[in-house]
């Protein structure tokens, strides 16, 4: 585990609100209980657990939805989540979140995202690069970047944002999110995610917004195949998104189409096992990671909701190593290859490649 923590890592599938610290969630829930907004005793035991049942997971998501409709809270959570990822040597993080509206407190989708940005600006424990800059190809990587993992220099983390379209939204609301993403491109927003309850909504509802986003040069990642839905899965793969998440309920035809398209898959082992243990993925032994890895298909290990599922990216690598027999070099290569799939610009990619180059020499000296 110590080695997994020391290795630089790339996180491409992390939901902001699902990555809240348990201690923060406990504090905020207690405060809502004192105000009479919730019954604290109904949720306290769930927050304190680490191995939550699927029912308890959904109960926690309901609580988080209530808690995160406040600007100050969104700012605090953003700050803490990024600090937590940086503490385990995540050097690049794509943080996804659904811009929320709360008319009662004057929260618009834009003001919600401004609260997220305020959280990024508030971080002082590590250096955070979240605003794209024009990069000189010939400029050297700074020592600060290259020594991130060594413990001898101040940590640095690149953060980029994905705006999520919730499957409960209308076409108009989805387009509003895409337009907001375009407006905030110069503030670190690099793409669009489609997520939410997989049994809610129809693909045709979101397609116009996603197609418009793609035409405008935004990167697209889709939660795909979370439940059996052959027609939707095939439509999503035919759309050719830049990445997909999960892919838990594919049939042979969909696996063939995925592999031929070489669309990278965001793999979230702990999340998949917790959520699908009674359905398509009953144990880690039959997870599709093995098939995709052996086929050399583009994949990247991610956390999904590190707070809700009580995991970290380092733990995900440790789980993959123990379950699938990966050695240190295989794990390092898996982390390093993820650089190819990020949505940031070429300058960031070059910096990350140099970080991994130096890390490889230090870790295997």
Protein backbone atom coordinates (compact mmCIF):
# COMPACT_ATOMS: atom_id res chain seq x y z
CA UNK A 1 0.00 0.00 0.00
CA UNK A 2 2.87 2.38 0.79
CA UNK A 3 4.23 1.85 -2.71
CA UNK A 4 0.81 2.48 -4.25
CA UNK A 5 0.61 5.78 -2.38
CA UNK A 6 4.12 6.85 -3.42
CA UNK A 7 3.43 6.24 -7.11
CA UNK A 8 2.11 9.27 -9.11
CA UNK A 9 -1.45 8.64 -10.26
CA UNK A 10 -4.09 10.01 -12.62
CA UNK A 11 -7.76 10.23 -11.52
CA UNK A 12 -10.30 10.63 -14.33
CA UNK A 13 -13.60 9.54 -12.75
CA UNK A 14 -14.21 11.31 -9.45
CA UNK A 15 -17.56 12.84 -8.49
CA UNK A 16 -17.07 15.89 -6.28
CA UNK A 17 -20.05 15.29 -4.01
CA UNK A 18 -19.37 11.57 -3.67
CA UNK A 19 -15.83 12.22 -2.50
CA UNK A 20 -16.67 14.14 0.69
CA UNK A 21 -14.70 13.19 3.79
CA UNK A 22 -16.71 11.20 6.34
CA UNK A 23 -15.67 13.65 9.05
CA UNK A 24 -16.99 16.60 7.04
CA UNK A 25 -20.20 14.77 6.22
CA UNK A 26 -20.70 13.96 9.90
CA UNK A 27 -20.16 17.58 10.91
CA UNK A 28 -22.48 18.99 8.27
CA UNK A 29 -25.18 16.39 8.95
CA UNK A 30 -25.05 17.15 12.68
CA UNK A 31 -25.52 20.83 11.88
CA UNK A 32 -28.56 20.09 9.73
CA UNK A 33 -29.91 17.91 12.51
CA UNK A 34 -29.61 20.76 15.01
CA UNK A 35 -31.51 23.01 12.60
CA UNK A 36 -34.25 20.39 12.22
CA UNK A 37 -33.62 19.91 8.50
CA UNK A 38 -32.87 16.18 8.95
CA UNK A 39 -33.02 13.60 11.75
CA UNK A 40 -29.33 13.17 12.53
CA UNK A 41 -29.75 9.81 14.26
CA UNK A 42 -31.17 8.37 11.03
CA UNK A 43 -27.92 8.95 9.15
CA UNK A 44 -25.17 8.98 11.78
CA UNK A 45 -24.60 5.20 11.77
CA UNK A 46 -24.45 5.15 7.96
CA UNK A 47 -21.82 7.90 7.85
CA UNK A 48 -19.67 6.11 10.43
CA UNK A 49 -19.67 2.81 8.49
CA UNK A 50 -17.00 1.94 5.93
CA UNK A 51 -18.53 -1.14 4.27
CA UNK A 52 -21.95 0.22 3.37
CA UNK A 53 -24.77 -1.77 1.80
CA UNK A 54 -26.25 -0.55 -1.48
CA UNK A 55 -29.30 0.70 0.43
CA UNK A 56 -27.04 2.67 2.76
CA UNK A 57 -25.09 4.05 -0.19
CA UNK A 58 -28.26 5.51 -1.69
CA UNK A 59 -29.24 6.87 1.73
CA UNK A 60 -25.89 8.64 1.86
CA UNK A 61 -26.36 10.09 -1.62
CA UNK A 62 -29.74 11.48 -0.54
CA UNK A 63 -28.06 13.16 2.44
CA UNK A 64 -25.26 14.57 0.28
CA UNK A 65 -27.84 16.07 -2.10
CA UNK A 66 -29.37 18.00 0.82
CA UNK A 67 -25.99 19.13 2.15
CA UNK A 68 -24.49 20.39 -1.10
CA UNK A 69 -27.08 23.02 -2.03
CA UNK A 70 -25.10 25.78 -0.35
CA UNK A 71 -22.25 27.84 -1.82
CA UNK A 72 -20.06 27.79 1.28
CA UNK A 73 -20.35 24.02 1.62
CA UNK A 74 -19.54 23.43 -2.04
CA UNK A 75 -16.40 25.57 -1.68
CA UNK A 76 -15.29 23.69 1.43
CA UNK A 77 -15.89 20.27 -0.09
CA UNK A 78 -13.98 21.16 -3.26
CA UNK A 79 -10.98 22.32 -1.25
CA UNK A 80 -10.90 19.19 0.91
CA UNK A 81 -11.45 16.73 -1.94
CA UNK A 82 -8.55 18.12 -3.98
CA UNK A 83 -6.31 18.17 -0.91
CA UNK A 84 -7.15 14.53 -0.23
CA UNK A 85 -6.30 13.42 -3.76
CA UNK A 86 -3.05 15.41 -3.72
CA UNK A 87 -2.06 13.85 -0.38
CA UNK A 88 -1.85 10.42 -2.02
CA UNK A 89 0.20 11.67 -4.97
CA UNK A 90 -2.57 12.10 -7.51
CA UNK A 91 -0.82 14.49 -9.90
CA UNK A 92 -3.75 15.04 -12.26
CA UNK A 93 -7.44 15.09 -11.31
CA UNK A 94 -10.53 15.50 -13.44
CA UNK A 95 -13.28 16.42 -11.02
CA UNK A 96 -16.84 16.07 -12.26
CA UNK A 97 -19.92 17.67 -10.75
CA UNK A 98 -23.50 18.51 -11.70
CA UNK A 99 -24.10 22.28 -11.53
CA UNK A 100 -27.04 22.77 -9.19
CA UNK A 101 -29.82 25.31 -8.89
CA UNK A 102 -31.28 26.35 -5.54
CA UNK A 103 -33.58 29.32 -6.08
CA UNK A 104 -34.27 29.67 -2.35
CA UNK A 105 -30.67 30.80 -1.72
CA UNK A 106 -30.00 32.32 -5.12
CA UNK A 107 -27.88 29.44 -6.40
CA UNK A 108 -27.66 29.19 -10.18
CA UNK A 109 -25.66 26.66 -12.16
CA UNK A 110 -23.01 29.32 -12.71
CA UNK A 111 -22.82 30.41 -9.06
CA UNK A 112 -22.52 26.74 -8.05
CA UNK A 113 -19.51 26.38 -10.35
CA UNK A 114 -18.06 29.65 -9.07
CA UNK A 115 -18.23 28.14 -5.58
CA UNK A 116 -16.27 25.14 -6.90
CA UNK A 117 -13.63 27.48 -8.35
CA UNK A 118 -13.46 29.35 -5.06
CA UNK A 119 -12.65 26.05 -3.40
CA UNK A 120 -9.75 25.51 -5.81
CA UNK A 121 -8.43 29.01 -5.13
CA UNK A 122 -8.66 28.44 -1.37
CA UNK A 123 -6.18 25.55 -1.37
CA UNK A 124 -2.86 26.43 0.21
CA UNK A 125 -1.54 23.02 1.29
CA UNK A 126 -0.53 22.16 -2.29
CA UNK A 127 0.00 24.00 -5.55
CA UNK A 128 -3.06 23.69 -7.77
CA UNK A 129 -2.99 24.27 -11.52
CA UNK A 130 -6.58 24.54 -12.73
CA UNK A 131 -6.52 27.31 -15.33
CA UNK A 132 -5.23 26.34 -18.79
CA UNK A 133 -2.25 28.35 -19.97
CA UNK A 134 -0.58 28.70 -23.34
CA UNK A 135 2.40 26.37 -23.10
CA UNK A 136 5.71 26.83 -24.84
CA UNK A 137 6.68 23.41 -26.20
CA UNK A 138 10.35 24.14 -25.59
CA UNK A 139 9.90 25.28 -21.99
CA UNK A 140 11.29 22.86 -19.40
CA UNK A 141 9.18 21.16 -16.76
CA UNK A 142 9.65 22.88 -13.43
CA UNK A 143 11.41 21.10 -10.59
CA UNK A 144 8.24 21.54 -8.55
CA UNK A 145 6.29 19.46 -11.08
CA UNK A 146 8.87 16.71 -11.38
CA UNK A 147 9.47 16.29 -7.65
CA UNK A 148 5.81 16.08 -6.69
CA UNK A 149 6.04 12.44 -5.61
CA UNK A 150 9.48 12.53 -3.97
CA UNK A 151 8.50 14.07 -0.67
CA UNK A 152 11.28 16.67 -0.99
CA UNK A 153 9.27 19.40 -2.69
CA UNK A 154 5.86 20.99 -2.35
CA UNK A 155 3.17 18.88 -3.98
CA UNK A 156 1.47 20.04 -7.16
CA UNK A 157 -1.73 18.78 -8.70
CA UNK A 158 -3.34 19.62 -12.02
CA UNK A 159 -7.13 19.89 -11.73
CA UNK A 160 -9.59 20.10 -14.59
CA UNK A 161 -13.38 20.17 -14.35
CA UNK A 162 -16.13 18.19 -16.08
CA UNK A 163 -19.70 19.45 -15.92
CA UNK A 164 -22.20 16.62 -15.50
CA UNK A 165 -25.59 16.42 -17.17
CA UNK A 166 -27.99 14.64 -14.81
CA UNK A 167 -30.21 12.04 -16.48
CA UNK A 168 -33.23 13.62 -14.76
CA UNK A 169 -32.72 16.83 -16.75
CA UNK A 170 -34.53 17.99 -19.87
CA UNK A 171 -32.85 18.69 -23.20
CA UNK A 172 -33.01 22.41 -22.43
CA UNK A 173 -31.35 21.97 -19.03
CA UNK A 174 -28.67 19.78 -20.57
CA UNK A 175 -27.95 22.45 -23.18
CA UNK A 176 -27.71 25.03 -20.41
CA UNK A 177 -24.98 22.95 -18.77
CA UNK A 178 -23.08 22.62 -22.06
CA UNK A 179 -23.26 26.37 -22.70
CA UNK A 180 -21.98 27.00 -19.17
CA UNK A 181 -19.07 24.64 -19.83
CA UNK A 182 -18.20 26.58 -22.98
CA UNK A 183 -18.33 29.88 -21.05
CA UNK A 184 -15.99 28.48 -18.41
CA UNK A 185 -13.40 26.88 -20.68
CA UNK A 186 -10.81 29.45 -19.66
CA UNK A 187 -11.42 28.52 -16.01
CA UNK A 188 -10.45 24.87 -16.32
CA UNK A 189 -13.64 23.23 -17.64
CA UNK A 190 -12.58 20.70 -20.26
CA UNK A 191 -15.58 18.47 -20.88
CA UNK A 192 -19.05 17.10 -20.27
CA UNK A 193 -20.15 14.00 -18.38
CA UNK A 194 -23.52 12.24 -18.55
CA UNK A 195 -24.42 10.61 -15.23
CA UNK A 196 -27.16 10.06 -12.69
CA UNK A 197 -29.66 7.30 -12.06
CA UNK A 198 -29.15 4.94 -15.04
CA UNK A 199 -32.80 3.84 -15.12
CA UNK A 200 -34.01 7.44 -15.47
CA UNK A 201 -34.16 9.37 -18.73
CA UNK A 202 -33.71 8.49 -22.39
CA UNK A 203 -30.59 8.80 -24.56
CA UNK A 204 -32.51 10.83 -27.16
CA UNK A 205 -33.12 13.52 -24.51
CA UNK A 206 -29.41 14.21 -23.98
CA UNK A 207 -28.11 13.53 -27.48
CA UNK A 208 -28.67 17.07 -28.87
CA UNK A 209 -26.74 18.65 -25.99
CA UNK A 210 -23.93 16.11 -26.19
CA UNK A 211 -23.68 16.45 -29.96
CA UNK A 212 -23.50 20.24 -29.63
CA UNK A 213 -20.80 19.92 -26.96
CA UNK A 214 -18.77 17.63 -29.20
CA UNK A 215 -19.13 19.99 -32.16
CA UNK A 216 -17.83 22.83 -29.99
CA UNK A 217 -14.70 20.87 -29.09
CA UNK A 218 -15.61 19.81 -25.56
CA UNK A 219 -14.48 16.35 -24.50
CA UNK A 220 -17.24 13.85 -23.67
CA UNK A 221 -17.38 10.99 -21.18
CA UNK A 222 -20.51 8.93 -20.60
CA UNK A 223 -21.66 6.65 -17.78
CA UNK A 224 -22.36 3.70 -20.04
CA UNK A 225 -23.72 0.24 -19.34
CA UNK A 226 -24.46 0.68 -15.64
CA UNK A 227 -27.64 -1.33 -16.20
CA UNK A 228 -28.63 -3.69 -19.04
CA UNK A 229 -29.89 -1.47 -21.86
CA UNK A 230 -28.69 -2.80 -25.20
CA UNK A 231 -30.21 -0.05 -27.33
CA UNK A 232 -28.75 2.77 -25.24
CA UNK A 233 -25.32 1.17 -24.91
CA UNK A 234 -25.08 0.72 -28.68
CA UNK A 235 -26.21 4.31 -29.26
CA UNK A 236 -23.63 5.61 -26.80
CA UNK A 237 -20.82 3.61 -28.42
CA UNK A 238 -21.99 4.79 -31.85
CA UNK A 239 -21.72 8.38 -30.62
CA UNK A 240 -17.97 7.74 -30.12
CA UNK A 241 -17.43 9.58 -26.82
CA UNK A 242 -13.84 10.30 -25.83
CA UNK A 243 -14.18 7.99 -22.77
CA UNK A 244 -16.86 5.94 -21.01
CA UNK A 245 -17.29 4.99 -17.38
CA UNK A 246 -18.08 1.58 -15.86
CA UNK A 247 -19.25 -0.64 -18.80
CA UNK A 248 -20.61 -3.21 -16.34
CA UNK A 249 -23.55 -4.59 -18.33
CA UNK A 250 -22.21 -5.18 -21.82
CA UNK A 251 -23.02 -8.21 -23.96
CA UNK A 252 -20.64 -9.79 -26.45
CA UNK A 253 -21.72 -7.54 -29.30
CA UNK A 254 -21.08 -4.42 -27.23
CA UNK A 255 -17.66 -5.68 -26.06
CA UNK A 256 -16.69 -6.23 -29.71
CA UNK A 257 -17.84 -2.74 -30.67
CA UNK A 258 -16.05 -1.16 -27.70
CA UNK A 259 -12.76 -2.89 -28.44
CA UNK A 260 -12.85 -1.98 -32.11
CA UNK A 261 -13.49 1.66 -31.25
CA UNK A 262 -10.69 1.76 -28.64
CA UNK A 263 -12.73 4.11 -26.44
CA UNK A 264 -10.93 4.30 -23.05
CA UNK A 265 -12.86 2.88 -20.09
CA UNK A 266 -12.81 4.42 -16.61
CA UNK A 267 -12.70 1.40 -14.27
CA UNK A 268 -13.99 1.82 -10.71
CA UNK A 269 -13.45 -1.56 -9.02
CA UNK A 270 -14.73 -0.92 -5.48
CA UNK A 271 -17.74 1.04 -6.71
CA UNK A 272 -18.65 -1.66 -9.23
CA UNK A 273 -18.43 -4.47 -6.67
CA UNK A 274 -20.44 -2.57 -4.05
CA UNK A 275 -23.12 -1.53 -6.51
CA UNK A 276 -23.41 -4.65 -8.68
CA UNK A 277 -22.47 -7.45 -6.27
CA UNK A 278 -25.92 -9.03 -6.59
CA UNK A 279 -26.24 -8.41 -10.32
CA UNK A 280 -23.73 -8.64 -13.15
CA UNK A 281 -20.52 -8.42 -11.07
CA UNK A 282 -20.92 -10.73 -8.09
CA UNK A 283 -17.21 -10.68 -7.20
CA UNK A 284 -13.93 -9.04 -8.15
CA UNK A 285 -12.84 -12.29 -9.85
CA UNK A 286 -15.26 -11.80 -12.74
CA UNK A 287 -14.77 -8.06 -13.21
CA UNK A 288 -14.26 -7.04 -16.84
CA UNK A 289 -10.97 -5.36 -15.93
CA UNK A 290 -9.21 -8.66 -16.66
CA UNK A 291 -10.59 -9.05 -20.17
CA UNK A 292 -9.92 -5.43 -21.12
CA UNK A 293 -6.44 -5.48 -19.58
CA UNK A 294 -5.46 -8.69 -21.37
CA UNK A 295 -6.84 -7.30 -24.63
CA UNK A 296 -4.65 -4.20 -24.11
CA UNK A 297 -7.75 -2.03 -24.34
CA UNK A 298 -7.32 1.55 -23.02
CA UNK A 299 -8.34 1.57 -19.32
CA UNK A 300 -7.69 3.72 -16.29
CA UNK A 301 -8.34 2.92 -12.63
CA UNK A 302 -10.54 5.46 -10.82
CA UNK A 303 -12.48 5.86 -7.56
CA UNK A 304 -15.94 7.06 -8.69
CA UNK A 305 -17.09 8.19 -5.21
CA UNK A 306 -14.17 7.81 -2.81
CA UNK A 307 -16.12 9.04 0.21
CA UNK A 308 -19.29 7.05 -0.31
CA UNK A 309 -17.41 3.84 -1.14
CA UNK A 310 -14.66 4.38 1.47
CA UNK A 311 -11.76 4.03 -0.93
CA UNK A 312 -8.82 5.96 -2.37
CA UNK A 313 -7.08 5.73 -5.72
CA UNK A 314 -4.11 4.07 -3.99
CA UNK A 315 -6.48 1.44 -2.61
CA UNK A 316 -7.90 0.84 -6.08
CA UNK A 317 -4.40 0.09 -7.37
CA UNK A 318 -3.72 -2.18 -4.41
CA UNK A 319 -7.02 -4.01 -5.06
CA UNK A 320 -6.12 -4.50 -8.74
CA UNK A 321 -2.68 -5.77 -7.80
CA UNK A 322 -3.95 -8.32 -5.28
CA UNK A 323 -6.98 -9.46 -7.28
CA UNK A 324 -5.36 -9.73 -10.70
CA UNK A 325 -1.73 -10.46 -9.84
CA UNK A 326 -0.24 -7.20 -11.08
CA UNK A 327 3.32 -6.37 -10.11
CA UNK A 328 4.75 -2.94 -9.40
CA UNK A 329 5.85 -2.38 -12.98
CA UNK A 330 2.42 -3.33 -14.34
CA UNK A 331 0.71 -0.97 -11.92
CA UNK A 332 3.09 1.86 -12.73
CA UNK A 333 2.55 1.35 -16.46
CA UNK A 334 -1.22 1.36 -15.91
CA UNK A 335 -0.97 4.71 -14.11
CA UNK A 336 1.45 6.14 -16.66
CA UNK A 337 -0.68 5.14 -19.65
CA UNK A 338 -3.62 7.09 -18.21
CA UNK A 339 -1.86 10.30 -19.23
CA UNK A 340 -2.90 9.52 -22.82
CA UNK A 341 -6.59 9.70 -21.90
CA UNK A 342 -6.74 13.02 -20.02
CA UNK A 343 -8.84 15.89 -21.40
CA UNK A 344 -6.27 18.63 -20.68
CA UNK A 345 -4.03 20.18 -23.32
CA UNK A 346 -0.77 18.91 -24.72
CA UNK A 347 1.33 21.05 -22.40
CA UNK A 348 -0.13 19.37 -19.35
CA UNK A 349 0.35 15.95 -20.95
CA UNK A 350 4.03 16.68 -21.54
CA UNK A 351 4.49 17.77 -17.94
CA UNK A 352 2.80 14.63 -16.67
CA UNK A 353 4.90 12.43 -18.94
CA UNK A 354 8.02 14.00 -17.44
CA UNK A 355 6.68 13.45 -13.90
CA UNK A 356 6.25 9.75 -14.65
CA UNK A 357 9.63 9.55 -16.35
CA UNK A 358 11.42 10.82 -13.26
CA UNK A 359 9.21 8.77 -10.93
CA UNK A 360 10.05 5.60 -12.82
CA UNK A 361 13.77 6.18 -12.30
CA UNK A 362 13.33 6.86 -8.58
CA UNK A 363 10.94 4.00 -7.90
CA UNK A 364 13.08 1.40 -9.67
CA UNK A 365 16.56 2.67 -8.85
